[in-house]
Amino acid sequence: MGKSKGKRSKTRKKLRKKVRDRGKLSAQRVIQDFQPGSKVGISIDPSVASGQPHPKFHGKTGRVKERQGRSYVVEIRDGNDIKKVISRPEHLKLVEA
């Protein structure tokens, strides 16, 4: 088995901002609050390295289970498995309350 090239490998287009979205992160994205049970989408912000979920979860949706420190635990269905993804609020977007 070959060596891994890191968890950000093969993400050249996936972890890229659009030209109009470049620049500083808005404070609203950092301080947004999610209630347990709310539906969120994972949208990785490449300008914030801390609290990023694995890039394979980019674009997936799930339900917030709980808060863990500054992050949230999100349950996502991956095939027939239910996986727990830990992510900071900068990388989450509310889909429905």
PDB file of N, CA and C in Angstrom:
ATOM      1  N   MET A   1       0.840  -1.186   0.000  1.00  0.00           N
ATOM      2  CA  MET A   1       0.000   0.000   0.000  1.00  0.00           C
ATOM      3  C   MET A   1       0.883   1.246   0.000  1.00  0.00           C
ATOM      4  N   GLY A   2       0.544   2.205  -0.861  1.00  0.00           N
ATOM      5  CA  GLY A   2       1.335   3.423  -0.979  1.00  0.00           C
ATOM      6  C   GLY A   2       1.125   4.366   0.189  1.00  0.00           C
ATOM      7  N   LYS A   3       2.024   5.312   0.307  1.00  0.00           N
ATOM      8  CA  LYS A   3       1.919   6.283   1.392  1.00  0.00           C
ATOM      9  C   LYS A   3       0.833   7.307   1.104  1.00  0.00           C
ATOM     10  N   SER A   4       0.194   7.770   2.161  1.00  0.00           N
ATOM     11  CA  SER A   4      -0.819   8.814   2.028  1.00  0.00           C
ATOM     12  C   SER A   4      -0.130  10.146   1.733  1.00  0.00           C
ATOM     13  N   LYS A   5      -0.787  10.979   0.972  1.00  0.00           N
ATOM     14  CA  LYS A   5      -0.214  12.288   0.656  1.00  0.00           C
ATOM     15  C   LYS A   5      -0.914  13.395   1.430  1.00  0.00           C
ATOM     16  N   GLY A   6      -1.548  13.036   2.535  1.00  0.00           N
ATOM     17  CA  GLY A   6      -2.206  14.023   3.379  1.00  0.00           C
ATOM     18  C   GLY A   6      -3.683  14.131   3.093  1.00  0.00           C
ATOM     19  N   LYS A   7      -4.414  14.709   4.038  1.00  0.00           N
ATOM     20  CA  LYS A   7      -5.867  14.741   3.879  1.00  0.00           C
ATOM     21  C   LYS A   7      -6.355  15.865   2.977  1.00  0.00           C
ATOM     22  N   ARG A   8      -5.463  16.738   2.534  1.00  0.00           N
ATOM     23  CA  ARG A   8      -5.873  17.784   1.592  1.00  0.00           C
ATOM     24  C   ARG A   8      -5.426  17.476   0.169  1.00  0.00           C
ATOM     25  N   SER A   9      -4.976  16.255  -0.069  1.00  0.00           N
ATOM     26  CA  SER A   9      -4.541  15.900  -1.418  1.00  0.00           C
ATOM     27  C   SER A   9      -5.745  15.731  -2.337  1.00  0.00           C
ATOM     28  N   LYS A  10      -5.554  16.036  -3.615  1.00  0.00           N
ATOM     29  CA  LYS A  10      -6.586  15.942  -4.661  1.00  0.00           C
ATOM     30  C   LYS A  10      -7.784  16.840  -4.381  1.00  0.00           C
ATOM     31  N   THR A  11      -7.542  18.000  -3.769  1.00  0.00           N
ATOM     32  CA  THR A  11      -8.640  18.918  -3.453  1.00  0.00           C
ATOM     33  C   THR A  11      -8.415  20.280  -4.112  1.00  0.00           C
ATOM     34  N   ARG A  12      -7.720  20.297  -5.242  1.00  0.00           N
ATOM     35  CA  ARG A  12      -7.367  21.566  -5.877  1.00  0.00           C
ATOM     36  C   ARG A  12      -8.602  22.389  -6.236  1.00  0.00           C
ATOM     37  N   LYS A  13      -9.649  21.759  -6.734  1.00  0.00           N
ATOM     38  CA  LYS A  13     -10.859  22.495  -7.090  1.00  0.00           C
ATOM     39  C   LYS A  13     -11.877  22.490  -5.966  1.00  0.00           C
ATOM     40  N   LYS A  14     -11.879  21.434  -5.170  1.00  0.00           N
ATOM     41  CA  LYS A  14     -12.866  21.319  -4.096  1.00  0.00           C
ATOM     42  C   LYS A  14     -12.640  22.376  -3.015  1.00  0.00           C
ATOM     43  N   LEU A  15     -11.394  22.605  -2.646  1.00  0.00           N
ATOM     44  CA  LEU A  15     -11.077  23.579  -1.596  1.00  0.00           C
ATOM     45  C   LEU A  15     -10.591  24.881  -2.224  1.00  0.00           C
ATOM     46  N   ARG A  16     -11.432  25.486  -3.050  1.00  0.00           N
ATOM     47  CA  ARG A  16     -11.090  26.750  -3.672  1.00  0.00           C
ATOM     48  C   ARG A  16     -12.295  27.677  -3.570  1.00  0.00           C
ATOM     49  N   LYS A  17     -12.027  28.929  -3.199  1.00  0.00           N
ATOM     50  CA  LYS A  17     -13.105  29.915  -3.142  1.00  0.00           C
ATOM     51  C   LYS A  17     -13.327  30.517  -4.520  1.00  0.00           C
ATOM     52  N   LYS A  18     -14.531  30.989  -4.748  1.00  0.00           N
ATOM     53  CA  LYS A  18     -14.815  31.735  -5.963  1.00  0.00           C
ATOM     54  C   LYS A  18     -14.143  33.109  -5.841  1.00  0.00           C
ATOM     55  N   VAL A  19     -13.898  33.779  -6.952  1.00  0.00           N
ATOM     56  CA  VAL A  19     -13.176  35.049  -6.954  1.00  0.00           C
ATOM     57  C   VAL A  19     -13.891  36.092  -6.099  1.00  0.00           C
ATOM     58  N   ARG A  20     -15.212  36.158  -6.182  1.00  0.00           N
ATOM     59  CA  ARG A  20     -15.959  37.162  -5.415  1.00  0.00           C
ATOM     60  C   ARG A  20     -16.004  36.859  -3.919  1.00  0.00           C
ATOM     61  N   ASP A  21     -15.757  35.620  -3.535  1.00  0.00           N
ATOM     62  CA  ASP A  21     -15.833  35.227  -2.126  1.00  0.00           C
ATOM     63  C   ASP A  21     -14.498  35.307  -1.412  1.00  0.00           C
ATOM     64  N   ARG A  22     -13.440  35.662  -2.139  1.00  0.00           N
ATOM     65  CA  ARG A  22     -12.122  35.691  -1.517  1.00  0.00           C
ATOM     66  C   ARG A  22     -12.017  36.835  -0.523  1.00  0.00           C
ATOM     67  N   GLY A  23     -11.068  36.708   0.405  1.00  0.00           N
ATOM     68  CA  GLY A  23     -10.864  37.757   1.394  1.00  0.00           C
ATOM     69  C   GLY A  23     -11.146  37.241   2.790  1.00  0.00           C
ATOM     70  N   LYS A  24     -11.370  38.170   3.706  1.00  0.00           N
ATOM     71  CA  LYS A  24     -11.572  37.805   5.102  1.00  0.00           C
ATOM     72  C   LYS A  24     -12.895  37.088   5.304  1.00  0.00           C
ATOM     73  N   LEU A  25     -12.908  36.253   6.305  1.00  0.00           N
ATOM     74  CA  LEU A  25     -14.109  35.520   6.693  1.00  0.00           C
ATOM     75  C   LEU A  25     -15.012  36.449   7.494  1.00  0.00           C
ATOM     76  N   SER A  26     -16.312  36.405   7.236  1.00  0.00           N
ATOM     77  CA  SER A  26     -17.228  37.265   7.985  1.00  0.00           C
ATOM     78  C   SER A  26     -17.389  36.733   9.409  1.00  0.00           C
ATOM     79  N   ALA A  27     -17.572  37.640  10.337  1.00  0.00           N
ATOM     80  CA  ALA A  27     -17.723  37.252  11.742  1.00  0.00           C
ATOM     81  C   ALA A  27     -18.995  36.448  11.959  1.00  0.00           C
ATOM     82  N   GLN A  28     -19.999  36.676  11.127  1.00  0.00           N
ATOM     83  CA  GLN A  28     -21.264  35.955  11.261  1.00  0.00           C
ATOM     84  C   GLN A  28     -21.069  34.450  11.081  1.00  0.00           C
ATOM     85  N   ARG A  29     -20.186  34.053  10.168  1.00  0.00           N
ATOM     86  CA  ARG A  29     -19.944  32.624   9.939  1.00  0.00           C
ATOM     87  C   ARG A  29     -19.286  31.979  11.152  1.00  0.00           C
ATOM     88  N   VAL A  30     -18.461  32.746  11.874  1.00  0.00           N
ATOM     89  CA  VAL A  30     -17.730  32.197  13.015  1.00  0.00           C
ATOM     90  C   VAL A  30     -18.630  32.042  14.230  1.00  0.00           C
ATOM     91  N   ILE A  31     -19.536  33.008  14.457  1.00  0.00           N
ATOM     92  CA  ILE A  31     -20.331  32.981  15.687  1.00  0.00           C
ATOM     93  C   ILE A  31     -21.710  32.363  15.500  1.00  0.00           C
ATOM     94  N   GLN A  32     -22.006  31.818  14.309  1.00  0.00           N
ATOM     95  CA  GLN A  32     -23.336  31.239  14.112  1.00  0.00           C
ATOM     96  C   GLN A  32     -23.544  30.057  15.055  1.00  0.00           C
ATOM     97  N   ASP A  33     -24.785  29.893  15.490  1.00  0.00           N
ATOM     98  CA  ASP A  33     -25.123  28.886  16.488  1.00  0.00           C
ATOM     99  C   ASP A  33     -26.146  27.924  15.895  1.00  0.00           C
ATOM    100  N   PHE A  34     -25.942  26.635  16.126  1.00  0.00           N
ATOM    101  CA  PHE A  34     -26.853  25.609  15.627  1.00  0.00           C
ATOM    102  C   PHE A  34     -27.453  24.854  16.802  1.00  0.00           C
ATOM    103  N   GLN A  35     -28.734  24.586  16.717  1.00  0.00           N
ATOM    104  CA  GLN A  35     -29.420  23.810  17.748  1.00  0.00           C
ATOM    105  C   GLN A  35     -29.319  22.326  17.402  1.00  0.00           C
ATOM    106  N   PRO A  36     -29.276  21.444  18.407  1.00  0.00           N
ATOM    107  CA  PRO A  36     -29.283  20.006  18.116  1.00  0.00           C
ATOM    108  C   PRO A  36     -30.540  19.626  17.344  1.00  0.00           C
ATOM    109  N   GLY A  37     -30.361  18.841  16.294  1.00  0.00           N
ATOM    110  CA  GLY A  37     -31.472  18.433  15.447  1.00  0.00           C
ATOM    111  C   GLY A  37     -31.626  19.269  14.198  1.00  0.00           C
ATOM    112  N   SER A  38     -30.932  20.420  14.111  1.00  0.00           N
ATOM    113  CA  SER A  38     -31.058  21.248  12.911  1.00  0.00           C
ATOM    114  C   SER A  38     -30.237  20.633  11.772  1.00  0.00           C
ATOM    115  N   LYS A  39     -30.720  20.816  10.547  1.00  0.00           N
ATOM    116  CA  LYS A  39     -30.085  20.236   9.372  1.00  0.00           C
ATOM    117  C   LYS A  39     -29.064  21.221   8.814  1.00  0.00           C
ATOM    118  N   VAL A  40     -27.833  20.754   8.620  1.00  0.00           N
ATOM    119  CA  VAL A  40     -26.759  21.611   8.129  1.00  0.00           C
ATOM    120  C   VAL A  40     -26.066  20.957   6.937  1.00  0.00           C
ATOM    121  N   GLY A  41     -25.486  21.798   6.103  1.00  0.00           N
ATOM    122  CA  GLY A  41     -24.672  21.332   4.992  1.00  0.00           C
ATOM    123  C   GLY A  41     -23.218  21.631   5.284  1.00  0.00           C
ATOM    124  N   ILE A  42     -22.336  20.722   4.896  1.00  0.00           N
ATOM    125  CA  ILE A  42     -20.909  20.925   5.116  1.00  0.00           C
ATOM    126  C   ILE A  42     -20.330  21.609   3.887  1.00  0.00           C
ATOM    127  N   SER A  43     -19.814  22.807   4.093  1.00  0.00           N
ATOM    128  CA  SER A  43     -19.190  23.591   3.037  1.00  0.00           C
ATOM    129  C   SER A  43     -17.856  24.087   3.583  1.00  0.00           C
ATOM    130  N   ILE A  44     -16.792  23.394   3.247  1.00  0.00           N
ATOM    131  CA  ILE A  44     -15.482  23.692   3.826  1.00  0.00           C
ATOM    132  C   ILE A  44     -14.990  25.050   3.343  1.00  0.00           C
ATOM    133  N   ASP A  45     -14.568  25.882   4.299  1.00  0.00           N
ATOM    134  CA  ASP A  45     -13.974  27.179   3.982  1.00  0.00           C
ATOM    135  C   ASP A  45     -12.456  26.994   3.978  1.00  0.00           C
ATOM    136  N   PRO A  46     -11.802  27.068   2.815  1.00  0.00           N
ATOM    137  CA  PRO A  46     -10.373  26.784   2.749  1.00  0.00           C
ATOM    138  C   PRO A  46      -9.490  27.812   3.445  1.00  0.00           C
ATOM    139  N   SER A  47     -10.028  29.006   3.752  1.00  0.00           N
ATOM    140  CA  SER A  47      -9.212  30.016   4.418  1.00  0.00           C
ATOM    141  C   SER A  47      -9.076  29.753   5.910  1.00  0.00           C
ATOM    142  N   VAL A  48      -9.870  28.826   6.453  1.00  0.00           N
ATOM    143  CA  VAL A  48      -9.800  28.480   7.875  1.00  0.00           C
ATOM    144  C   VAL A  48      -9.395  27.018   7.966  1.00  0.00           C
ATOM    145  N   ALA A  49      -8.156  26.764   8.410  1.00  0.00           N
ATOM    146  CA  ALA A  49      -7.666  25.390   8.457  1.00  0.00           C
ATOM    147  C   ALA A  49      -8.144  24.652   9.695  1.00  0.00           C
ATOM    148  N   SER A  50      -8.391  25.372  10.788  1.00  0.00           N
ATOM    149  CA  SER A  50      -8.762  24.694  12.027  1.00  0.00           C
ATOM    150  C   SER A  50     -10.211  24.237  11.982  1.00  0.00           C
ATOM    151  N   GLY A  51     -10.443  23.049  12.467  1.00  0.00           N
ATOM    152  CA  GLY A  51     -11.800  22.523  12.561  1.00  0.00           C
ATOM    153  C   GLY A  51     -12.390  22.070  11.248  1.00  0.00           C
ATOM    154  N   GLN A  52     -11.541  21.832  10.250  1.00  0.00           N
ATOM    155  CA  GLN A  52     -12.053  21.372   8.954  1.00  0.00           C
ATOM    156  C   GLN A  52     -12.380  19.892   9.017  1.00  0.00           C
ATOM    157  N   PRO A  53     -13.542  19.493   8.503  1.00  0.00           N
ATOM    158  CA  PRO A  53     -13.791  18.059   8.354  1.00  0.00           C
ATOM    159  C   PRO A  53     -13.001  17.523   7.161  1.00  0.00           C
ATOM    160  N   HIS A  54     -12.975  16.217   7.001  1.00  0.00           N
ATOM    161  CA  HIS A  54     -12.273  15.614   5.866  1.00  0.00           C
ATOM    162  C   HIS A  54     -12.940  16.066   4.568  1.00  0.00           C
ATOM    163  N   PRO A  55     -12.167  16.368   3.530  1.00  0.00           N
ATOM    164  CA  PRO A  55     -12.748  16.874   2.284  1.00  0.00           C
ATOM    165  C   PRO A  55     -13.772  15.956   1.627  1.00  0.00           C
ATOM    166  N   LYS A  56     -13.774  14.666   1.949  1.00  0.00           N
ATOM    167  CA  LYS A  56     -14.771  13.789   1.323  1.00  0.00           C
ATOM    168  C   LYS A  56     -16.182  14.089   1.815  1.00  0.00           C
ATOM    169  N   PHE A  57     -16.308  14.844   2.917  1.00  0.00           N
ATOM    170  CA  PHE A  57     -17.623  15.209   3.435  1.00  0.00           C
ATOM    171  C   PHE A  57     -18.103  16.561   2.904  1.00  0.00           C
ATOM    172  N   HIS A  58     -17.310  17.226   2.068  1.00  0.00           N
ATOM    173  CA  HIS A  58     -17.682  18.524   1.493  1.00  0.00           C
ATOM    174  C   HIS A  58     -18.905  18.357   0.598  1.00  0.00           C
ATOM    175  N   GLY A  59     -19.950  19.132   0.856  1.00  0.00           N
ATOM    176  CA  GLY A  59     -21.169  19.055   0.064  1.00  0.00           C
ATOM    177  C   GLY A  59     -22.226  18.131   0.635  1.00  0.00           C
ATOM    178  N   LYS A  60     -21.915  17.397   1.695  1.00  0.00           N
ATOM    179  CA  LYS A  60     -22.880  16.484   2.304  1.00  0.00           C
ATOM    180  C   LYS A  60     -23.742  17.247   3.306  1.00  0.00           C
ATOM    181  N   THR A  61     -24.918  16.710   3.605  1.00  0.00           N
ATOM    182  CA  THR A  61     -25.797  17.301   4.611  1.00  0.00           C
ATOM    183  C   THR A  61     -26.037  16.298   5.718  1.00  0.00           C
ATOM    184  N   GLY A  62     -26.304  16.815   6.907  1.00  0.00           N
ATOM    185  CA  GLY A  62     -26.565  15.962   8.055  1.00  0.00           C
ATOM    186  C   GLY A  62     -27.250  16.752   9.155  1.00  0.00           C
ATOM    187  N   ARG A  63     -27.445  16.098  10.285  1.00  0.00           N
ATOM    188  CA  ARG A  63     -28.107  16.716  11.432  1.00  0.00           C
ATOM    189  C   ARG A  63     -27.094  16.950  12.550  1.00  0.00           C
ATOM    190  N   VAL A  64     -27.223  18.104  13.210  1.00  0.00           N
ATOM    191  CA  VAL A  64     -26.360  18.428  14.345  1.00  0.00           C
ATOM    192  C   VAL A  64     -26.797  17.575  15.523  1.00  0.00           C
ATOM    193  N   LYS A  65     -25.852  16.847  16.096  1.00  0.00           N
ATOM    194  CA  LYS A  65     -26.166  16.000  17.241  1.00  0.00           C
ATOM    195  C   LYS A  65     -25.903  16.727  18.549  1.00  0.00           C
ATOM    196  N   GLU A  66     -24.720  17.349  18.667  1.00  0.00           N
ATOM    197  CA  GLU A  66     -24.358  18.024  19.914  1.00  0.00           C
ATOM    198  C   GLU A  66     -23.236  19.019  19.649  1.00  0.00           C
ATOM    199  N   ARG A  67     -22.955  19.799  20.677  1.00  0.00           N
ATOM    200  CA  ARG A  67     -21.828  20.725  20.627  1.00  0.00           C
ATOM    201  C   ARG A  67     -20.662  20.068  21.357  1.00  0.00           C
ATOM    202  N   GLN A  68     -19.456  20.252  20.814  1.00  0.00           N
ATOM    203  CA  GLN A  68     -18.267  19.677  21.432  1.00  0.00           C
ATOM    204  C   GLN A  68     -17.176  20.743  21.424  1.00  0.00           C
ATOM    205  N   GLY A  69     -17.064  21.470  22.532  1.00  0.00           N
ATOM    206  CA  GLY A  69     -16.135  22.591  22.587  1.00  0.00           C
ATOM    207  C   GLY A  69     -16.624  23.704  21.690  1.00  0.00           C
ATOM    208  N   ARG A  70     -15.780  24.173  20.764  1.00  0.00           N
ATOM    209  CA  ARG A  70     -16.194  25.187  19.791  1.00  0.00           C
ATOM    210  C   ARG A  70     -16.829  24.559  18.557  1.00  0.00           C
ATOM    211  N   SER A  71     -16.772  23.245  18.459  1.00  0.00           N
ATOM    212  CA  SER A  71     -17.233  22.540  17.264  1.00  0.00           C
ATOM    213  C   SER A  71     -18.597  21.904  17.475  1.00  0.00           C
ATOM    214  N   TYR A  72     -19.114  21.330  16.392  1.00  0.00           N
ATOM    215  CA  TYR A  72     -20.382  20.607  16.415  1.00  0.00           C
ATOM    216  C   TYR A  72     -20.156  19.201  15.884  1.00  0.00           C
ATOM    217  N   VAL A  73     -20.891  18.247  16.454  1.00  0.00           N
ATOM    218  CA  VAL A  73     -20.876  16.875  15.960  1.00  0.00           C
ATOM    219  C   VAL A  73     -22.065  16.736  15.024  1.00  0.00           C
ATOM    220  N   VAL A  74     -21.793  16.391  13.772  1.00  0.00           N
ATOM    221  CA  VAL A  74     -22.828  16.272  12.745  1.00  0.00           C
ATOM    222  C   VAL A  74     -22.901  14.810  12.315  1.00  0.00           C
ATOM    223  N   GLU A  75     -24.120  14.251  12.308  1.00  0.00           N
ATOM    224  CA  GLU A  75     -24.308  12.876  11.851  1.00  0.00           C
ATOM    225  C   GLU A  75     -24.633  12.890  10.366  1.00  0.00           C
ATOM    226  N   ILE A  76     -23.853  12.135   9.600  1.00  0.00           N
ATOM    227  CA  ILE A  76     -23.997  12.083   8.148  1.00  0.00           C
ATOM    228  C   ILE A  76     -24.148  10.635   7.721  1.00  0.00           C
ATOM    229  N   ARG A  77     -25.040  10.407   6.765  1.00  0.00           N
ATOM    230  CA  ARG A  77     -25.198   9.064   6.210  1.00  0.00           C
ATOM    231  C   ARG A  77     -24.217   8.905   5.054  1.00  0.00           C
ATOM    232  N   ASP A  78     -23.365   7.882   5.163  1.00  0.00           N
ATOM    233  CA  ASP A  78     -22.379   7.567   4.133  1.00  0.00           C
ATOM    234  C   ASP A  78     -22.655   6.142   3.670  1.00  0.00           C
ATOM    235  N   GLY A  79     -23.465   6.012   2.610  1.00  0.00           N
ATOM    236  CA  GLY A  79     -23.922   4.685   2.203  1.00  0.00           C
ATOM    237  C   GLY A  79     -24.938   4.201   3.224  1.00  0.00           C
ATOM    238  N   ASN A  80     -24.684   3.060   3.834  1.00  0.00           N
ATOM    239  CA  ASN A  80     -25.567   2.548   4.880  1.00  0.00           C
ATOM    240  C   ASN A  80     -25.061   2.886   6.275  1.00  0.00           C
ATOM    241  N   ASP A  81     -23.896   3.487   6.371  1.00  0.00           N
ATOM    242  CA  ASP A  81     -23.318   3.831   7.668  1.00  0.00           C
ATOM    243  C   ASP A  81     -23.717   5.242   8.072  1.00  0.00           C
ATOM    244  N   ILE A  82     -23.831   5.456   9.371  1.00  0.00           N
ATOM    245  CA  ILE A  82     -24.017   6.804   9.910  1.00  0.00           C
ATOM    246  C   ILE A  82     -22.690   7.196  10.545  1.00  0.00           C
ATOM    247  N   LYS A  83     -22.107   8.282  10.044  1.00  0.00           N
ATOM    248  CA  LYS A  83     -20.808   8.721  10.538  1.00  0.00           C
ATOM    249  C   LYS A  83     -20.950  10.032  11.282  1.00  0.00           C
ATOM    250  N   LYS A  84     -20.086  10.224  12.264  1.00  0.00           N
ATOM    251  CA  LYS A  84     -20.056  11.464  13.036  1.00  0.00           C
ATOM    252  C   LYS A  84     -18.883  12.299  12.546  1.00  0.00           C
ATOM    253  N   VAL A  85     -19.182  13.518  12.133  1.00  0.00           N
ATOM    254  CA  VAL A  85     -18.166  14.443  11.644  1.00  0.00           C
ATOM    255  C   VAL A  85     -18.094  15.602  12.621  1.00  0.00           C
ATOM    256  N   ILE A  86     -16.892  15.916  13.082  1.00  0.00           N
ATOM    257  CA  ILE A  86     -16.698  17.031  14.008  1.00  0.00           C
ATOM    258  C   ILE A  86     -16.179  18.216  13.203  1.00  0.00           C
ATOM    259  N   SER A  87     -16.909  19.331  13.270  1.00  0.00           N
ATOM    260  CA  SER A  87     -16.567  20.483  12.443  1.00  0.00           C
ATOM    261  C   SER A  87     -16.874  21.780  13.175  1.00  0.00           C
ATOM    262  N   ARG A  88     -16.087  22.812  12.897  1.00  0.00           N
ATOM    263  CA  ARG A  88     -16.359  24.133  13.458  1.00  0.00           C
ATOM    264  C   ARG A  88     -17.424  24.825  12.631  1.00  0.00           C
ATOM    265  N   PRO A  89     -18.104  25.831  13.197  1.00  0.00           N
ATOM    266  CA  PRO A  89     -19.232  26.460  12.499  1.00  0.00           C
ATOM    267  C   PRO A  89     -18.856  27.190  11.210  1.00  0.00           C
ATOM    268  N   GLU A  90     -17.587  27.531  11.006  1.00  0.00           N
ATOM    269  CA  GLU A  90     -17.179  28.194   9.773  1.00  0.00           C
ATOM    270  C   GLU A  90     -17.406  27.303   8.553  1.00  0.00           C
ATOM    271  N   HIS A  91     -17.427  25.997   8.776  1.00  0.00           N
ATOM    272  CA  HIS A  91     -17.542  25.034   7.684  1.00  0.00           C
ATOM    273  C   HIS A  91     -18.952  24.457   7.563  1.00  0.00           C
ATOM    274  N   LEU A  92     -19.914  25.044   8.270  1.00  0.00           N
ATOM    275  CA  LEU A  92     -21.296  24.553   8.243  1.00  0.00           C
ATOM    276  C   LEU A  92     -22.237  25.656   7.776  1.00  0.00           C
ATOM    277  N   LYS A  93     -23.296  25.259   7.071  1.00  0.00           N
ATOM    278  CA  LYS A  93     -24.344  26.197   6.652  1.00  0.00           C
ATOM    279  C   LYS A  93     -25.685  25.596   7.021  1.00  0.00           C
ATOM    280  N   LEU A  94     -26.570  26.419   7.572  1.00  0.00           N
ATOM    281  CA  LEU A  94     -27.897  25.959   7.967  1.00  0.00           C
ATOM    282  C   LEU A  94     -28.741  25.692   6.726  1.00  0.00           C
ATOM    283  N   VAL A  95     -29.318  24.478   6.651  1.00  0.00           N
ATOM    284  CA  VAL A  95     -30.196  24.121   5.540  1.00  0.00           C
ATOM    285  C   VAL A  95     -31.640  24.324   5.954  1.00  0.00           C
ATOM    286  N   GLU A  96     -32.000  23.799   7.130  1.00  0.00           N
ATOM    287  CA  GLU A  96     -33.330  24.037   7.701  1.00  0.00           C
ATOM    288  C   GLU A  96     -33.226  23.923   9.209  1.00  0.00           C
ATOM    289  N   ALA A  97     -34.091  24.639   9.922  1.00  0.00           N
ATOM    290  CA  ALA A  97     -34.031  24.660  11.383  1.00  0.00           C
ATOM    291  C   ALA A  97     -34.661  23.435  11.992  1.00  0.00           C
TER     292      ALA A  97
END
